C-alpha atoms as a PDB file:
ATOM      1  CA  MET A   1     -42.923 -16.879  69.430  1.00  0.00           C
ATOM      2  CA  THR A   2     -43.185 -13.017  70.013  1.00  0.00           C
ATOM      3  CA  THR A   3     -42.343 -10.647  67.451  1.00  0.00           C
ATOM      4  CA  HIS A   4     -41.665  -6.817  68.118  1.00  0.00           C
ATOM      5  CA  ILE A   5     -41.477  -3.907  65.479  1.00  0.00           C
ATOM      6  CA  GLY A   6     -39.844  -0.718  67.638  1.00  0.00           C
ATOM      7  CA  ALA A   7     -40.428   2.825  66.302  1.00  0.00           C
ATOM      8  CA  GLY A   8     -37.798   5.354  66.789  1.00  0.00           C
ATOM      9  CA  ASN A   9     -34.463   4.231  68.914  1.00  0.00           C
ATOM     10  CA  ASP A  10     -34.834   1.318  70.751  1.00  0.00           C
ATOM     11  CA  ALA A  11     -31.694   0.162  72.707  1.00  0.00           C
ATOM     12  CA  GLY A  12     -33.155  -3.144  73.255  1.00  0.00           C
ATOM     13  CA  ASN A  13     -33.031  -4.302  69.544  1.00  0.00           C
ATOM     14  CA  GLY A  14     -30.280  -1.849  68.448  1.00  0.00           C
ATOM     15  CA  THR A  15     -32.565  -0.687  65.325  1.00  0.00           C
ATOM     16  CA  SER A  16     -33.060   2.921  64.517  1.00  0.00           C
ATOM     17  CA  SER A  17     -35.423   5.094  62.424  1.00  0.00           C
ATOM     18  CA  GLY A  18     -36.637   8.192  61.668  1.00  0.00           C
ATOM     19  CA  ASP A  19     -34.497  11.144  63.511  1.00  0.00           C
ATOM     20  CA  GLY A  20     -32.391   8.562  65.537  1.00  0.00           C
ATOM     21  CA  GLY A  21     -29.426   9.149  63.248  1.00  0.00           C
ATOM     22  CA  GLY A  22     -29.198   5.418  61.962  1.00  0.00           C
ATOM     23  CA  ASN A  23     -26.929   5.289  58.678  1.00  0.00           C
ATOM     24  CA  VAL A  24     -29.885   3.146  56.852  1.00  0.00           C
ATOM     25  CA  THR A  25     -30.244   3.429  53.125  1.00  0.00           C
ATOM     26  CA  PRO A  26     -33.911   3.371  52.196  1.00  0.00           C
ATOM     27  CA  PHE A  27     -34.884   0.447  49.672  1.00  0.00           C
ATOM     28  CA  PRO A  28     -35.868   1.758  46.086  1.00  0.00           C
ATOM     29  CA  SER A  29     -39.496   1.846  46.289  1.00  0.00           C
ATOM     30  CA  THR A  30     -40.017   2.108  42.338  1.00  0.00           C
ATOM     31  CA  ALA A  31     -38.711   1.063  39.215  1.00  0.00           C
ATOM     32  CA  GLU A  32     -37.067   4.104  38.391  1.00  0.00           C
ATOM     33  CA  GLU A  33     -35.550   4.287  41.700  1.00  0.00           C
ATOM     34  CA  ARG A  34     -34.227   0.898  41.467  1.00  0.00           C
ATOM     35  CA  ARG A  35     -32.794   1.325  37.920  1.00  0.00           C
ATOM     36  CA  GLN A  36     -30.875   4.550  39.203  1.00  0.00           C
ATOM     37  CA  ARG A  37     -29.624   2.918  42.331  1.00  0.00           C
ATOM     38  CA  ARG A  38     -28.113   0.208  39.939  1.00  0.00           C
ATOM     39  CA  GLN A  39     -26.786   2.448  37.718  1.00  0.00           C
ATOM     40  CA  ALA A  40     -25.051   4.452  40.477  1.00  0.00           C
ATOM     41  CA  ILE A  41     -23.480   1.141  41.795  1.00  0.00           C
ATOM     42  CA  GLN A  42     -22.402  -0.008  38.439  1.00  0.00           C
ATOM     43  CA  GLU A  43     -20.917   3.506  37.854  1.00  0.00           C
ATOM     44  CA  ARG A  44     -19.008   3.316  41.292  1.00  0.00           C
ATOM     45  CA  GLU A  45     -17.738  -0.139  40.250  1.00  0.00           C
ATOM     46  CA  ARG A  46     -16.585   0.948  36.729  1.00  0.00           C
ATOM     47  CA  ARG A  47     -14.266   3.860  38.340  1.00  0.00           C
ATOM     48  CA  ARG A  48     -12.873   1.470  40.964  1.00  0.00           C
ATOM     49  CA  LEU A  49     -12.056  -0.750  37.980  1.00  0.00           C
ATOM     50  CA  ILE A  50     -10.448   1.838  36.219  1.00  0.00           C
ATOM     51  CA  ASN A  51      -8.215   3.152  39.193  1.00  0.00           C
ATOM     52  CA  VAL A  52      -7.010  -0.253  40.133  1.00  0.00           C
ATOM     53  CA  PHE A  53      -5.964  -1.342  36.434  1.00  0.00           C
ATOM     54  CA  ILE A  54      -3.389   1.637  36.907  1.00  0.00           C
ATOM     55  CA  ASP A  55      -2.635   1.763  40.451  1.00  0.00           C
ATOM     56  CA  GLU A  56      -2.420  -1.735  41.512  1.00  0.00           C
ATOM     57  CA  ALA A  57      -0.871  -3.317  38.508  1.00  0.00           C
ATOM     58  CA  GLY A  58       1.662  -0.583  38.487  1.00  0.00           C
ATOM     59  CA  HIS A  59       1.176   0.806  35.034  1.00  0.00           C
ATOM     60  CA  GLN A  60       1.692   4.514  34.412  1.00  0.00           C
ATOM     61  CA  LEU A  61      -0.180   7.210  32.382  1.00  0.00           C
ATOM     62  CA  PHE A  62       1.817   9.708  30.789  1.00  0.00           C
ATOM     63  CA  CYS A  63       1.573  12.439  27.949  1.00  0.00           C
ATOM     64  CA  ALA A  64       4.058  12.952  25.019  1.00  0.00           C
ATOM     65  CA  PRO A  65       4.994  16.425  23.770  1.00  0.00           C
ATOM     66  CA  ASP A  66       2.495  16.195  20.810  1.00  0.00           C
ATOM     67  CA  GLY A  67      -0.303  15.731  23.239  1.00  0.00           C
ATOM     68  CA  THR A  68      -0.615  11.863  22.526  1.00  0.00           C
ATOM     69  CA  ALA A  69      -1.548   9.785  25.524  1.00  0.00           C
ATOM     70  CA  TYR A  70       0.919   6.667  26.531  1.00  0.00           C
ATOM     71  CA  ALA A  71       0.742   3.971  28.917  1.00  0.00           C
ATOM     72  CA  ASP A  72       3.765   1.959  30.589  1.00  0.00           C
ATOM     73  CA  LEU A  73       2.189  -1.520  30.955  1.00  0.00           C
ATOM     74  CA  ILE A  74       3.791  -4.095  33.467  1.00  0.00           C
ATOM     75  CA  ILE A  75       3.017  -7.222  31.051  1.00  0.00           C
ATOM     76  CA  ASP A  76       4.809 -10.681  32.110  1.00  0.00           C
ATOM     77  CA  GLY A  77       7.252  -8.871  34.501  1.00  0.00           C
ATOM     78  CA  HIS A  78       8.517  -6.316  31.915  1.00  0.00           C
ATOM     79  CA  ARG A  79       7.682  -2.827  30.839  1.00  0.00           C
ATOM     80  CA  GLU A  80       5.765  -1.998  27.562  1.00  0.00           C
ATOM     81  CA  THR A  81       4.924   1.409  26.379  1.00  0.00           C
ATOM     82  CA  TRP A  82       1.848   1.741  23.882  1.00  0.00           C
ATOM     83  CA  PRO A  83      -0.454   4.409  22.949  1.00  0.00           C
ATOM     84  CA  VAL A  84      -3.738   4.403  25.169  1.00  0.00           C
ATOM     85  CA  LYS A  85      -5.622   4.495  22.211  1.00  0.00           C
ATOM     86  CA  SER A  86      -3.942   1.353  20.700  1.00  0.00           C
ATOM     87  CA  GLN A  87      -5.290  -2.301  20.218  1.00  0.00           C
ATOM     88  CA  GLN A  88      -2.440  -3.521  22.795  1.00  0.00           C
ATOM     89  CA  PHE A  89      -3.663  -1.141  25.540  1.00  0.00           C
ATOM     90  CA  ARG A  90      -7.442  -1.877  24.815  1.00  0.00           C
ATOM     91  CA  PHE A  91      -6.272  -5.732  24.862  1.00  0.00           C
ATOM     92  CA  ALA A  92      -4.556  -5.480  28.425  1.00  0.00           C
ATOM     93  CA  TYR A  93      -7.535  -3.599  29.710  1.00  0.00           C
ATOM     94  CA  LEU A  94      -9.973  -6.360  28.769  1.00  0.00           C
ATOM     95  CA  GLN A  95      -7.643  -9.021  30.105  1.00  0.00           C
ATOM     96  CA  TYR A  96      -7.660  -7.183  33.242  1.00  0.00           C
ATOM     97  CA  LEU A  97     -11.261  -7.302  33.364  1.00  0.00           C
ATOM     98  CA  ASN A  98     -11.513 -10.735  32.639  1.00  0.00           C
ATOM     99  CA  ARG A  99      -8.925 -11.527  35.437  1.00  0.00           C
ATOM    100  CA  GLU A 100     -11.323  -9.787  37.699  1.00  0.00           C
ATOM    101  CA  LEU A 101     -14.477 -11.669  36.582  1.00  0.00           C
ATOM    102  CA  GLU A 102     -12.478 -14.921  37.241  1.00  0.00           C
ATOM    103  CA  ARG A 103     -11.532 -13.649  40.931  1.00  0.00           C
ATOM    104  CA  VAL A 104     -15.185 -13.185  41.798  1.00  0.00           C
ATOM    105  CA  PHE A 105     -15.957 -16.845  41.260  1.00  0.00           C
ATOM    106  CA  ALA A 106     -12.316 -18.235  42.371  1.00  0.00           C
ATOM    107  CA  SER A 107     -13.767 -19.655  45.618  1.00  0.00           C
ATOM    108  CA  GLY A 108     -15.839 -22.200  44.010  1.00  0.00           C
ATOM    109  CA  GLU A 109     -18.510 -21.770  46.465  1.00  0.00           C
ATOM    110  CA  PRO A 110     -21.891 -20.256  45.515  1.00  0.00           C
ATOM    111  CA  PRO A 111     -21.886 -16.769  44.689  1.00  0.00           C
ATOM    112  CA  SER A 112     -23.257 -14.116  47.175  1.00  0.00           C
ATOM    113  CA  ILE A 113     -25.725 -11.594  45.979  1.00  0.00           C
ATOM    114  CA  GLU A 114     -22.732  -9.053  45.969  1.00  0.00           C
ATOM    115  CA  ALA A 115     -20.534 -11.204  43.974  1.00  0.00           C
ATOM    116  CA  VAL A 116     -23.343 -11.377  41.409  1.00  0.00           C
ATOM    117  CA  VAL A 117     -24.041  -7.573  41.110  1.00  0.00           C
ATOM    118  CA  ARG A 118     -20.083  -7.312  40.845  1.00  0.00           C
ATOM    119  CA  ALA A 119     -19.774 -10.024  38.326  1.00  0.00           C
ATOM    120  CA  MET A 120     -22.900  -8.318  36.124  1.00  0.00           C
ATOM    121  CA  THR A 121     -21.094  -4.845  36.519  1.00  0.00           C
ATOM    122  CA  ILE A 122     -17.544  -6.317  35.128  1.00  0.00           C
ATOM    123  CA  LYS A 123     -19.611  -7.903  32.299  1.00  0.00           C
ATOM    124  CA  ALA A 124     -21.352  -4.471  31.445  1.00  0.00           C
ATOM    125  CA  THR A 125     -17.937  -2.613  31.684  1.00  0.00           C
ATOM    126  CA  MET A 126     -16.357  -5.055  28.899  1.00  0.00           C
ATOM    127  CA  ARG A 127     -18.837  -3.964  26.498  1.00  0.00           C
ATOM    128  CA  LYS A 128     -17.282  -2.141  23.297  1.00  0.00           C
ATOM    129  CA  SER A 129     -19.197   1.190  24.378  1.00  0.00           C
ATOM    130  CA  ALA A 130     -17.754   1.094  27.976  1.00  0.00           C
ATOM    131  CA  VAL A 131     -14.535  -0.016  27.153  1.00  0.00           C
ATOM    132  CA  ASN A 132     -14.281   3.112  24.595  1.00  0.00           C
ATOM    133  CA  ALA A 133     -15.513   5.334  27.459  1.00  0.00           C
ATOM    134  CA  ALA A 134     -12.614   3.994  29.656  1.00  0.00           C
ATOM    135  CA  ILE A 135     -10.012   4.349  27.272  1.00  0.00           C
ATOM    136  CA  GLU A 136     -11.343   8.030  26.681  1.00  0.00           C
ATOM    137  CA  ASP A 137     -11.112   8.174  30.491  1.00  0.00           C
ATOM    138  CA  TYR A 138      -7.469   6.960  30.789  1.00  0.00           C
ATOM    139  CA  ALA A 139      -6.603   9.549  27.663  1.00  0.00           C
ATOM    140  CA  ASN A 140      -7.760  12.406  29.767  1.00  0.00           C
ATOM    141  CA  LEU A 141      -5.931  11.332  32.871  1.00  0.00           C
ATOM    142  CA  ALA A 142      -2.850  11.038  30.671  1.00  0.00           C
ATOM    143  CA  ASN A 143      -3.303  14.369  29.161  1.00  0.00           C
ATOM    144  CA  PHE A 144      -4.147  16.356  32.206  1.00  0.00           C
ATOM    145  CA  GLY A 145      -1.812  14.678  34.588  1.00  0.00           C
ATOM    146  CA  LYS A 146       1.690  15.468  35.671  1.00  0.00           C
ATOM    147  CA  VAL A 147       3.912  13.210  33.877  1.00  0.00           C
ATOM    148  CA  LYS A 148       5.302  14.391  30.728  1.00  0.00           C
ATOM    149  CA  ARG A 149       7.857  12.063  28.485  1.00  0.00           C
ATOM    150  CA  SER A 150       9.153  11.924  25.048  1.00  0.00           C
ATOM    151  CA  VAL A 151       8.667   8.681  23.032  1.00  0.00           C
ATOM    152  CA  HIS A 152      11.402   7.055  20.592  1.00  0.00           C
ATOM    153  CA  VAL A 153      11.517   4.521  17.707  1.00  0.00           C
ATOM    154  CA  ARG A 154      14.623   2.156  17.983  1.00  0.00           C
ATOM    155  CA  VAL A 155      17.303   4.804  18.957  1.00  0.00           C
ATOM    156  CA  ALA A 156      17.114   7.286  21.906  1.00  0.00           C
ATOM    157  CA  GLY A 157      19.744   9.471  23.734  1.00  0.00           C
ATOM    158  CA  HIS A 158      19.859   9.758  27.564  1.00  0.00           C
ATOM    159  CA  GLY A 159      22.541  12.197  28.818  1.00  0.00           C
ATOM    160  CA  ASP A 160      25.820  10.885  27.242  1.00  0.00           C
ATOM    161  CA  GLU A 161      24.307   7.216  26.783  1.00  0.00           C
ATOM    162  CA  ILE A 162      22.719   5.822  23.230  1.00  0.00           C
ATOM    163  CA  PHE A 163      19.846   3.148  23.756  1.00  0.00           C
ATOM    164  CA  LEU A 164      18.892   1.046  21.426  1.00  0.00           C
ATOM    165  CA  ASP A 165      15.445  -0.964  21.078  1.00  0.00           C
ATOM    166  CA  LEU A 166      16.055  -4.674  20.395  1.00  0.00           C
ATOM    167  CA  CYS A 167      12.334  -4.833  19.458  1.00  0.00           C
ATOM    168  CA  ASN A 168      12.149  -8.345  21.239  1.00  0.00           C
ATOM    169  CA  ASP A 169       9.445  -9.593  23.209  1.00  0.00           C
ATOM    170  CA  SER A 170      11.115  -9.032  26.732  1.00  0.00           C
ATOM    171  CA  TRP A 171      11.479  -4.970  25.388  1.00  0.00           C
ATOM    172  CA  GLU A 172      14.910  -5.145  26.338  1.00  0.00           C
ATOM    173  CA  ALA A 173      17.340  -2.347  25.124  1.00  0.00           C
ATOM    174  CA  VAL A 174      21.069  -1.870  24.521  1.00  0.00           C
ATOM    175  CA  ARG A 175      22.934   0.598  26.492  1.00  0.00           C
ATOM    176  CA  ILE A 176      25.727   2.029  24.924  1.00  0.00           C
ATOM    177  CA  THR A 177      28.564   4.356  26.579  1.00  0.00           C
ATOM    178  CA  ALA A 178      31.531   5.482  25.212  1.00  0.00           C
ATOM    179  CA  ALA A 179      33.457   2.758  27.152  1.00  0.00           C
ATOM    180  CA  SER A 180      31.073  -0.264  26.919  1.00  0.00           C
ATOM    181  CA  SER A 181      27.843  -1.636  26.223  1.00  0.00           C
ATOM    182  CA  SER A 182      25.264  -3.603  28.297  1.00  0.00           C
ATOM    183  CA  ILE A 183      21.591  -5.305  28.154  1.00  0.00           C
ATOM    184  CA  VAL A 184      19.147  -3.304  30.239  1.00  0.00           C
ATOM    185  CA  GLU A 185      15.153  -4.456  30.755  1.00  0.00           C
ATOM    186  CA  ALA A 186      14.059  -0.889  31.697  1.00  0.00           C
ATOM    187  CA  PRO A 187      15.752   1.627  30.194  1.00  0.00           C
ATOM    188  CA  PRO A 188      14.949   5.309  31.245  1.00  0.00           C
ATOM    189  CA  VAL A 189      13.696   6.253  27.906  1.00  0.00           C
ATOM    190  CA  ARG A 190      10.618   5.333  26.560  1.00  0.00           C
ATOM    191  CA  PHE A 191      10.523   3.432  23.377  1.00  0.00           C
ATOM    192  CA  VAL A 192       7.349   2.883  20.993  1.00  0.00           C
ATOM    193  CA  ARG A 193       6.837  -0.189  18.331  1.00  0.00           C
ATOM    194  CA  THR A 194       5.499   0.276  14.852  1.00  0.00           C
ATOM    195  CA  GLU A 195       3.835  -2.284  13.195  1.00  0.00           C
ATOM    196  CA  GLY A 196       6.351  -4.157  11.071  1.00  0.00           C
ATOM    197  CA  MET A 197       9.302  -3.340  13.000  1.00  0.00           C
ATOM    198  CA  LEU A 198      11.461  -6.593  13.860  1.00  0.00           C
ATOM    199  CA  PRO A 199      13.978  -7.676  16.760  1.00  0.00           C
ATOM    200  CA  LEU A 200      17.673  -7.212  16.458  1.00  0.00           C
ATOM    201  CA  PRO A 201      19.847 -10.052  17.685  1.00  0.00           C
ATOM    202  CA  TYR A 202      21.749  -9.897  21.088  1.00  0.00           C
ATOM    203  CA  PRO A 203      25.345  -8.023  20.214  1.00  0.00           C
ATOM    204  CA  LYS A 204      28.452  -9.872  20.736  1.00  0.00           C
ATOM    205  CA  ARG A 205      31.798  -8.735  21.657  1.00  0.00           C
ATOM    206  CA  GLY A 206      34.701  -9.204  19.252  1.00  0.00           C
ATOM    207  CA  GLY A 207      34.870  -9.672  15.540  1.00  0.00           C
ATOM    208  CA  ASN A 208      35.798  -7.081  13.041  1.00  0.00           C
ATOM    209  CA  VAL A 209      33.966  -4.556  10.958  1.00  0.00           C
ATOM    210  CA  GLU A 210      36.181  -5.303   7.733  1.00  0.00           C
ATOM    211  CA  ALA A 211      34.402  -8.874   7.793  1.00  0.00           C
ATOM    212  CA  LEU A 212      31.498  -6.975   6.203  1.00  0.00           C
ATOM    213  CA  GLN A 213      33.355  -6.489   3.006  1.00  0.00           C
ATOM    214  CA  SER A 214      32.377 -10.054   1.838  1.00  0.00           C
ATOM    215  CA  PHE A 215      28.899  -9.368   2.417  1.00  0.00           C
ATOM    216  CA  VAL A 216      28.364  -6.265   0.208  1.00  0.00           C
ATOM    217  CA  ASN A 217      29.602  -5.219  -3.602  1.00  0.00           C
ATOM    218  CA  LEU A 218      31.977  -2.164  -2.498  1.00  0.00           C
ATOM    219  CA  LYS A 219      35.484  -2.429  -4.475  1.00  0.00           C
ATOM    220  CA  THR A 220      37.529  -0.262  -2.219  1.00  0.00           C
ATOM    221  CA  ALA A 221      38.130   0.090   1.615  1.00  0.00           C
ATOM    222  CA  ALA A 222      37.120   3.631   1.449  1.00  0.00           C
ATOM    223  CA  ASP A 223      33.902   2.744   0.167  1.00  0.00           C
ATOM    224  CA  LEU A 224      33.496   0.096   2.825  1.00  0.00           C
ATOM    225  CA  HIS A 225      34.563   2.999   5.677  1.00  0.00           C
ATOM    226  CA  VAL A 226      31.814   5.435   4.008  1.00  0.00           C
ATOM    227  CA  TYR A 227      28.915   2.396   4.054  1.00  0.00           C
ATOM    228  CA  VAL A 228      30.335   1.439   8.150  1.00  0.00           C
ATOM    229  CA  GLY A 229      30.065   5.517   8.701  1.00  0.00           C
ATOM    230  CA  TYR A 230      26.624   5.776   7.328  1.00  0.00           C
ATOM    231  CA  LEU A 231      25.379   2.762   9.573  1.00  0.00           C
ATOM    232  CA  LEU A 232      27.086   4.435  12.777  1.00  0.00           C
ATOM    233  CA  ALA A 233      25.299   7.812  12.028  1.00  0.00           C
ATOM    234  CA  ALA A 234      21.838   5.850  11.572  1.00  0.00           C
ATOM    235  CA  LEU A 235      22.346   4.765  15.394  1.00  0.00           C
ATOM    236  CA  ARG A 236      22.734   8.177  16.676  1.00  0.00           C
ATOM    237  CA  PRO A 237      19.911   9.790  18.631  1.00  0.00           C
ATOM    238  CA  ARG A 238      20.276  13.131  17.310  1.00  0.00           C
ATOM    239  CA  GLY A 239      21.120  14.520  13.866  1.00  0.00           C
ATOM    240  CA  PRO A 240      22.353  15.569  11.274  1.00  0.00           C
ATOM    241  CA  TYR A 241      22.060  12.608   9.310  1.00  0.00           C
ATOM    242  CA  PRO A 242      23.959  11.627   6.183  1.00  0.00           C
ATOM    243  CA  ILE A 243      21.986  10.311   2.980  1.00  0.00           C
ATOM    244  CA  PHE A 244      23.609   7.332   1.577  1.00  0.00           C
ATOM    245  CA  SER A 245      23.105   7.208  -2.228  1.00  0.00           C
ATOM    246  CA  ALA A 246      24.176   3.889  -3.927  1.00  0.00           C
ATOM    247  CA  LEU A 247      25.606   4.275  -7.423  1.00  0.00           C
ATOM    248  CA  GLY A 248      26.193   1.660 -10.250  1.00  0.00           C
ATOM    249  CA  PRO A 249      24.904  -0.032 -13.209  1.00  0.00           C
ATOM    250  CA  PRO A 250      21.749  -2.255 -13.144  1.00  0.00           C
ATOM    251  CA  GLY A 251      22.460  -5.534 -11.477  1.00  0.00           C
ATOM    252  CA  ALA A 252      25.269  -4.059  -9.161  1.00  0.00           C
ATOM    253  CA  ALA A 253      23.310  -5.063  -6.147  1.00  0.00           C
ATOM    254  CA  LYS A 254      22.814  -1.566  -5.032  1.00  0.00           C
ATOM    255  CA  THR A 255      19.155  -2.459  -3.330  1.00  0.00           C
ATOM    256  CA  ARG A 256      20.836  -5.361  -1.952  1.00  0.00           C
ATOM    257  CA  LEU A 257      23.049  -2.820  -0.382  1.00  0.00           C
ATOM    258  CA  LEU A 258      20.450  -0.763   1.266  1.00  0.00           C
ATOM    259  CA  ARG A 259      18.385  -3.760   2.630  1.00  0.00           C
ATOM    260  CA  LEU A 260      21.440  -5.057   4.505  1.00  0.00           C
ATOM    261  CA  ALA A 261      21.819  -1.557   6.049  1.00  0.00           C
ATOM    262  CA  ARG A 262      18.075  -1.713   6.893  1.00  0.00           C
ATOM    263  CA  ARG A 263      18.627  -5.556   8.456  1.00  0.00           C
ATOM    264  CA  LEU A 264      21.897  -3.998  10.638  1.00  0.00           C
ATOM    265  CA  VAL A 265      20.408  -0.824  12.043  1.00  0.00           C
ATOM    266  CA  ASP A 266      16.513  -1.048  11.832  1.00  0.00           C
ATOM    267  CA  PRO A 267      15.121  -4.395  10.425  1.00  0.00           C
ATOM    268  CA  HIS A 268      11.601  -4.175   9.223  1.00  0.00           C
ATOM    269  CA  LEU A 269       8.955  -6.356   7.226  1.00  0.00           C
ATOM    270  CA  ALA A 270       9.400  -3.340   4.633  1.00  0.00           C
ATOM    271  CA  GLU A 271      12.874  -3.388   3.688  1.00  0.00           C
ATOM    272  CA  THR A 272      12.520  -1.053   0.762  1.00  0.00           C
ATOM    273  CA  THR A 273       9.731   1.408  -0.633  1.00  0.00           C
ATOM    274  CA  ALA A 274       9.140   2.503  -4.067  1.00  0.00           C
ATOM    275  CA  PRO A 275       9.872   6.045  -5.228  1.00  0.00           C
ATOM    276  CA  ARG A 276       6.874   8.759  -4.699  1.00  0.00           C
ATOM    277  CA  SER A 277       5.819  11.643  -6.522  1.00  0.00           C
ATOM    278  CA  SER A 278       5.226  13.556  -3.676  1.00  0.00           C
ATOM    279  CA  LEU A 279       7.199  14.399  -0.613  1.00  0.00           C
ATOM    280  CA  LEU A 280       4.527  14.522   1.695  1.00  0.00           C
ATOM    281  CA  PRO A 281       3.731  10.972   1.667  1.00  0.00           C
ATOM    282  CA  VAL A 282       7.768  10.117   1.962  1.00  0.00           C
ATOM    283  CA  ALA A 283       7.593  12.203   5.266  1.00  0.00           C
ATOM    284  CA  THR A 284       4.815  10.266   6.598  1.00  0.00           C
ATOM    285  CA  VAL A 285       5.855   7.123   5.609  1.00  0.00           C
ATOM    286  CA  ILE A 286       9.872   7.523   6.647  1.00  0.00           C
ATOM    287  CA  SER A 287       9.967   7.996  10.251  1.00  0.00           C
ATOM    288  CA  ARG A 288      13.298   6.788  10.823  1.00  0.00           C
ATOM    289  CA  ARG A 289      16.495   8.813  11.358  1.00  0.00           C
ATOM    290  CA  SER A 290      18.543   7.556   8.311  1.00  0.00           C
ATOM    291  CA  ARG A 291      17.695   7.881   4.653  1.00  0.00           C
ATOM    292  CA  THR A 292      19.034   5.875   1.948  1.00  0.00           C
ATOM    293  CA  SER A 293      18.311   5.909  -1.754  1.00  0.00           C
ATOM    294  CA  ALA A 294      19.650   3.866  -4.915  1.00  0.00           C
ATOM    295  CA  ARG A 295      20.068   4.930  -8.496  1.00  0.00           C
END
């Protein structure tokens, strides 16, 4: 067997070096060069993973008027909206990285060197510090991007229509118009969820609002009409809003009346809150459009 090492440009063996114009990357000769090369490859893969998570998965970043970064996430075939710096967004990103890691070894065959390097890079990207850095990148992309949207809690207006978030696992909403109502899977508005919010049932046609009388301790039809008017006002996307004040002696079921209103309009784990000495905590805790009080 004869071996030959060519110098310069050798048409016989197709190799090139020196000034021949070949696209050859020299192998790092020192430990520092190898470390820098490895870091460059990892950073390139990290950027690719960040871009693919948004572009290929159908997710979208946007910024709210208050400067908060949000993301529309496509999860199990439906759209969910979460702050970029929320635990839900972090979990979705980690799930995506885990799927990418599983895809590297999905063939069941012995992995190539490239696959091993990529797997190591993905594992490094799943570290807490790397995930934090990625989330900051996403927040910056949202804040400096062109998409600006408002976000809403439970109720939102869109033109002459009202949308009511059912807060179910499918993120469905009720579309309400002057003529009818329907269930929609991806409303044109964006709803966000806060801790403690509970789902509303699917609305059913028919029935009579007078049937509510048997569940409340209201003596006259006029009182019932005021109560129903308050409930309807609480479902409006814009104010002004009435303040409902239940008056009566101890044991008159005033608190039950307010809890029922909460369950009908905006069910929550915390149905009532204790009176506060300062108005500032009240403004922080109560972010709903309606206000209730009992005396």
